[in-house]
Amino acid sequence: MNKEKTRTIEQVYRSAVSGLYGRLRSNYDFLYRKFGDEGLKLIEDMSREYGLTIAERAKSRLEKNDLASVAGYLIRIFDTVARGRDLISTVEERDDRIIVRVNRCPLDFDNPGMCLAHTTMERTVVEELNPELTYRIGKSIPAGDAFCEHIVEFKK
């Protein structure tokens, strides 16, 4: 019996994304075990390169590159990787920044350095879409906080 025919497209999608995230995390763990801090640098470099490709595609899709539009694109990325489950708990908009709070880590990081290396992709996307903006992590689940803060703000 072929179970693929009985699963919905949503179930197949969630399973595929879960599998890809598991593999990505496994690759990250391998690089860190094998190379330590140099492995984190490799993860950061890979994330930056991937962020450049995402930003290039986003440039043709965004009508504006203002704070709200860039943060909105980042939220769209988060919604895509949430695998159909709630990820974003709140979005706080201010004049100079937007703070996206998430209630769980999709990759279940327990190493703050690995989280920072991985989120180089997000920083790259934000800064490529608008060089006046930057991205940073505020609170962090891997650092022991109850939630993560993804902050898109104007550079100081």
C-alpha atoms as a PDB file:
ATOM      1  CA  MET A   1       0.000   0.000   0.000  1.00  0.00           C
ATOM      2  CA  ASN A   2       1.346   3.431  -0.925  1.00  0.00           C
ATOM      3  CA  LYS A   3       0.810   5.788   1.994  1.00  0.00           C
ATOM      4  CA  GLU A   4       1.792   8.824  -0.117  1.00  0.00           C
ATOM      5  CA  LYS A   5      -1.619   8.637  -1.805  1.00  0.00           C
ATOM      6  CA  THR A   6      -3.438   8.904   1.520  1.00  0.00           C
ATOM      7  CA  ARG A   7      -1.502  11.909   2.862  1.00  0.00           C
ATOM      8  CA  THR A   8      -2.601  15.421   2.072  1.00  0.00           C
ATOM      9  CA  ILE A   9      -0.257  17.817   0.309  1.00  0.00           C
ATOM     10  CA  GLU A  10       0.037  19.682   3.631  1.00  0.00           C
ATOM     11  CA  GLN A  11       1.157  16.494   5.406  1.00  0.00           C
ATOM     12  CA  VAL A  12       3.716  15.768   2.698  1.00  0.00           C
ATOM     13  CA  TYR A  13       4.991  19.366   2.901  1.00  0.00           C
ATOM     14  CA  ARG A  14       5.330  19.309   6.703  1.00  0.00           C
ATOM     15  CA  SER A  15       7.140  15.993   6.562  1.00  0.00           C
ATOM     16  CA  ALA A  16       9.518  17.190   3.842  1.00  0.00           C
ATOM     17  CA  VAL A  17      10.339  20.437   5.658  1.00  0.00           C
ATOM     18  CA  SER A  18      10.840  18.574   8.943  1.00  0.00           C
ATOM     19  CA  GLY A  19      13.188  16.171   7.200  1.00  0.00           C
ATOM     20  CA  LEU A  20      15.159  18.959   5.535  1.00  0.00           C
ATOM     21  CA  TYR A  21      15.468  20.836   8.829  1.00  0.00           C
ATOM     22  CA  GLY A  22      16.625  17.665  10.547  1.00  0.00           C
ATOM     23  CA  ARG A  23      19.257  17.151   7.880  1.00  0.00           C
ATOM     24  CA  LEU A  24      20.385  20.787   8.052  1.00  0.00           C
ATOM     25  CA  ARG A  25      20.733  20.586  11.828  1.00  0.00           C
ATOM     26  CA  SER A  26      22.646  17.313  11.485  1.00  0.00           C
ATOM     27  CA  ASN A  27      25.029  18.968   9.005  1.00  0.00           C
ATOM     28  CA  TYR A  28      25.527  21.915  11.365  1.00  0.00           C
ATOM     29  CA  ASP A  29      26.195  19.602  14.310  1.00  0.00           C
ATOM     30  CA  PHE A  30      28.724  17.654  12.238  1.00  0.00           C
ATOM     31  CA  LEU A  31      30.576  20.813  11.194  1.00  0.00           C
ATOM     32  CA  TYR A  32      30.689  22.049  14.786  1.00  0.00           C
ATOM     33  CA  ARG A  33      31.883  18.702  16.195  1.00  0.00           C
ATOM     34  CA  LYS A  34      34.529  18.359  13.508  1.00  0.00           C
ATOM     35  CA  PHE A  35      35.800  21.956  13.374  1.00  0.00           C
ATOM     36  CA  GLY A  36      34.580  23.773  16.504  1.00  0.00           C
ATOM     37  CA  ASP A  37      34.488  27.552  16.088  1.00  0.00           C
ATOM     38  CA  GLU A  38      35.842  27.202  12.564  1.00  0.00           C
ATOM     39  CA  GLY A  39      32.746  25.070  11.850  1.00  0.00           C
ATOM     40  CA  LEU A  40      30.563  27.944  13.046  1.00  0.00           C
ATOM     41  CA  LYS A  41      32.408  30.187  10.589  1.00  0.00           C
ATOM     42  CA  LEU A  42      31.607  27.719   7.785  1.00  0.00           C
ATOM     43  CA  ILE A  43      27.917  27.748   8.797  1.00  0.00           C
ATOM     44  CA  GLU A  44      27.992  31.550   8.809  1.00  0.00           C
ATOM     45  CA  ASP A  45      29.607  31.656   5.361  1.00  0.00           C
ATOM     46  CA  MET A  46      27.062  29.172   3.950  1.00  0.00           C
ATOM     47  CA  SER A  47      24.208  31.171   5.488  1.00  0.00           C
ATOM     48  CA  ARG A  48      25.536  34.435   4.036  1.00  0.00           C
ATOM     49  CA  GLU A  49      25.825  32.921   0.574  1.00  0.00           C
ATOM     50  CA  TYR A  50      22.295  31.521   0.774  1.00  0.00           C
ATOM     51  CA  GLY A  51      21.018  34.881   2.050  1.00  0.00           C
ATOM     52  CA  LEU A  52      22.443  36.591  -1.020  1.00  0.00           C
ATOM     53  CA  THR A  53      20.427  34.290  -3.299  1.00  0.00           C
ATOM     54  CA  ILE A  54      17.251  34.865  -1.265  1.00  0.00           C
ATOM     55  CA  ALA A  55      17.768  38.644  -1.311  1.00  0.00           C
ATOM     56  CA  GLU A  56      18.260  38.634  -5.069  1.00  0.00           C
ATOM     57  CA  ARG A  57      14.910  36.871  -5.562  1.00  0.00           C
ATOM     58  CA  ALA A  58      13.214  39.132  -3.007  1.00  0.00           C
ATOM     59  CA  LYS A  59      14.334  42.301  -4.793  1.00  0.00           C
ATOM     60  CA  SER A  60      12.139  41.438  -7.757  1.00  0.00           C
ATOM     61  CA  ARG A  61       9.149  40.636  -5.516  1.00  0.00           C
ATOM     62  CA  LEU A  62       9.143  43.573  -3.123  1.00  0.00           C
ATOM     63  CA  GLU A  63       7.513  46.787  -4.248  1.00  0.00           C
ATOM     64  CA  LYS A  64       9.329  48.765  -1.526  1.00  0.00           C
ATOM     65  CA  ASN A  65      12.372  48.120   0.596  1.00  0.00           C
ATOM     66  CA  ASP A  66      11.297  50.119   3.643  1.00  0.00           C
ATOM     67  CA  LEU A  67      11.390  48.800   7.206  1.00  0.00           C
ATOM     68  CA  ALA A  68       7.873  47.332   7.109  1.00  0.00           C
ATOM     69  CA  SER A  69       8.361  45.637   3.721  1.00  0.00           C
ATOM     70  CA  VAL A  70      11.723  44.088   4.602  1.00  0.00           C
ATOM     71  CA  ALA A  71      10.482  42.884   7.996  1.00  0.00           C
ATOM     72  CA  GLY A  72       7.349  41.569   6.279  1.00  0.00           C
ATOM     73  CA  TYR A  73       9.494  39.532   3.898  1.00  0.00           C
ATOM     74  CA  LEU A  74      11.381  38.082   6.849  1.00  0.00           C
ATOM     75  CA  ILE A  75       8.071  37.189   8.514  1.00  0.00           C
ATOM     76  CA  ARG A  76       7.045  35.437   5.300  1.00  0.00           C
ATOM     77  CA  ILE A  77      10.216  33.339   5.505  1.00  0.00           C
ATOM     78  CA  PHE A  78       9.435  32.468   9.135  1.00  0.00           C
ATOM     79  CA  ASP A  79       5.856  31.515   8.239  1.00  0.00           C
ATOM     80  CA  THR A  80       7.142  29.255   5.476  1.00  0.00           C
ATOM     81  CA  VAL A  81       9.525  27.380   7.759  1.00  0.00           C
ATOM     82  CA  ALA A  82       6.974  27.150  10.581  1.00  0.00           C
ATOM     83  CA  ARG A  83       5.698  24.008   8.884  1.00  0.00           C
ATOM     84  CA  GLY A  84       2.056  24.911   9.368  1.00  0.00           C
ATOM     85  CA  ARG A  85       2.392  25.498  13.099  1.00  0.00           C
ATOM     86  CA  ASP A  86       2.435  28.744  15.007  1.00  0.00           C
ATOM     87  CA  LEU A  87       5.940  30.096  15.256  1.00  0.00           C
ATOM     88  CA  ILE A  88       5.482  33.837  15.616  1.00  0.00           C
ATOM     89  CA  SER A  89       3.977  34.898  18.918  1.00  0.00           C
ATOM     90  CA  THR A  90       4.003  38.695  18.445  1.00  0.00           C
ATOM     91  CA  VAL A  91       5.193  41.412  16.100  1.00  0.00           C
ATOM     92  CA  GLU A  92       5.976  44.750  17.719  1.00  0.00           C
ATOM     93  CA  GLU A  93       6.236  47.682  15.343  1.00  0.00           C
ATOM     94  CA  ARG A  94       8.037  50.883  16.301  1.00  0.00           C
ATOM     95  CA  ASP A  95       9.197  53.807  14.202  1.00  0.00           C
ATOM     96  CA  ASP A  96      12.803  52.620  14.169  1.00  0.00           C
ATOM     97  CA  ARG A  97      12.462  48.828  14.451  1.00  0.00           C
ATOM     98  CA  ILE A  98      10.236  45.796  14.175  1.00  0.00           C
ATOM     99  CA  ILE A  99      10.629  43.007  16.712  1.00  0.00           C
ATOM    100  CA  VAL A 100       9.378  39.561  15.739  1.00  0.00           C
ATOM    101  CA  ARG A 101       9.037  37.243  18.732  1.00  0.00           C
ATOM    102  CA  VAL A 102       8.981  33.525  18.101  1.00  0.00           C
ATOM    103  CA  ASN A 103       8.008  30.930  20.650  1.00  0.00           C
ATOM    104  CA  ARG A 104      10.161  28.048  19.455  1.00  0.00           C
ATOM    105  CA  CYS A 105      13.312  27.385  17.497  1.00  0.00           C
ATOM    106  CA  PRO A 106      12.593  25.490  14.257  1.00  0.00           C
ATOM    107  CA  LEU A 107      16.040  23.877  14.447  1.00  0.00           C
ATOM    108  CA  ASP A 108      15.969  23.357  18.225  1.00  0.00           C
ATOM    109  CA  PHE A 109      19.325  25.074  18.699  1.00  0.00           C
ATOM    110  CA  ASP A 110      20.897  24.856  22.127  1.00  0.00           C
ATOM    111  CA  ASN A 111      24.101  26.624  21.102  1.00  0.00           C
ATOM    112  CA  PRO A 112      23.762  30.435  20.814  1.00  0.00           C
ATOM    113  CA  GLY A 113      26.770  30.573  18.484  1.00  0.00           C
ATOM    114  CA  MET A 114      25.169  28.140  16.065  1.00  0.00           C
ATOM    115  CA  CYS A 115      21.978  30.216  16.105  1.00  0.00           C
ATOM    116  CA  LEU A 116      23.965  33.361  15.276  1.00  0.00           C
ATOM    117  CA  ALA A 117      25.838  31.601  12.485  1.00  0.00           C
ATOM    118  CA  HIS A 118      22.584  30.255  11.010  1.00  0.00           C
ATOM    119  CA  THR A 119      20.753  33.601  11.203  1.00  0.00           C
ATOM    120  CA  THR A 120      23.484  35.229   9.139  1.00  0.00           C
ATOM    121  CA  MET A 121      21.083  34.411   6.302  1.00  0.00           C
ATOM    122  CA  GLU A 122      18.419  36.673   7.794  1.00  0.00           C
ATOM    123  CA  ARG A 123      20.922  39.468   8.437  1.00  0.00           C
ATOM    124  CA  THR A 124      22.197  39.184   4.866  1.00  0.00           C
ATOM    125  CA  VAL A 125      18.681  39.306   3.402  1.00  0.00           C
ATOM    126  CA  VAL A 126      17.758  42.386   5.445  1.00  0.00           C
ATOM    127  CA  GLU A 127      20.971  44.282   4.713  1.00  0.00           C
ATOM    128  CA  GLU A 128      20.930  43.419   1.006  1.00  0.00           C
ATOM    129  CA  LEU A 129      17.320  44.556   0.654  1.00  0.00           C
ATOM    130  CA  ASN A 130      17.999  47.826   2.449  1.00  0.00           C
ATOM    131  CA  PRO A 131      21.567  48.840   3.427  1.00  0.00           C
ATOM    132  CA  GLU A 132      20.142  51.303   5.982  1.00  0.00           C
ATOM    133  CA  LEU A 133      18.669  48.397   7.956  1.00  0.00           C
ATOM    134  CA  THR A 134      20.237  45.663  10.037  1.00  0.00           C
ATOM    135  CA  TYR A 135      19.057  42.459  11.664  1.00  0.00           C
ATOM    136  CA  ARG A 136      19.982  41.092  15.047  1.00  0.00           C
ATOM    137  CA  ILE A 137      18.850  38.606  17.651  1.00  0.00           C
ATOM    138  CA  GLY A 138      17.638  40.095  20.930  1.00  0.00           C
ATOM    139  CA  LYS A 139      16.468  37.414  23.312  1.00  0.00           C
ATOM    140  CA  SER A 140      17.348  33.867  22.339  1.00  0.00           C
ATOM    141  CA  ILE A 141      15.969  30.453  23.260  1.00  0.00           C
ATOM    142  CA  PRO A 142      19.425  28.848  22.825  1.00  0.00           C
ATOM    143  CA  ALA A 143      20.788  31.425  25.307  1.00  0.00           C
ATOM    144  CA  GLY A 144      18.136  30.401  27.851  1.00  0.00           C
ATOM    145  CA  ASP A 145      15.370  32.912  27.148  1.00  0.00           C
ATOM    146  CA  ALA A 146      11.720  31.835  26.871  1.00  0.00           C
ATOM    147  CA  PHE A 147      11.459  33.162  23.297  1.00  0.00           C
ATOM    148  CA  CYS A 148      13.567  34.633  20.522  1.00  0.00           C
ATOM    149  CA  GLU A 149      13.496  38.211  19.276  1.00  0.00           C
ATOM    150  CA  HIS A 150      14.355  38.806  15.648  1.00  0.00           C
ATOM    151  CA  ILE A 151      14.913  42.551  15.350  1.00  0.00           C
ATOM    152  CA  VAL A 152      14.962  44.500  12.089  1.00  0.00           C
ATOM    153  CA  GLU A 153      16.022  48.080  12.699  1.00  0.00           C
ATOM    154  CA  PHE A 154      17.737  51.104  11.254  1.00  0.00           C
ATOM    155  CA  LYS A 155      21.511  51.071  11.608  1.00  0.00           C
ATOM    156  CA  LYS A 156      22.822  53.449  14.221  1.00  0.00           C
END
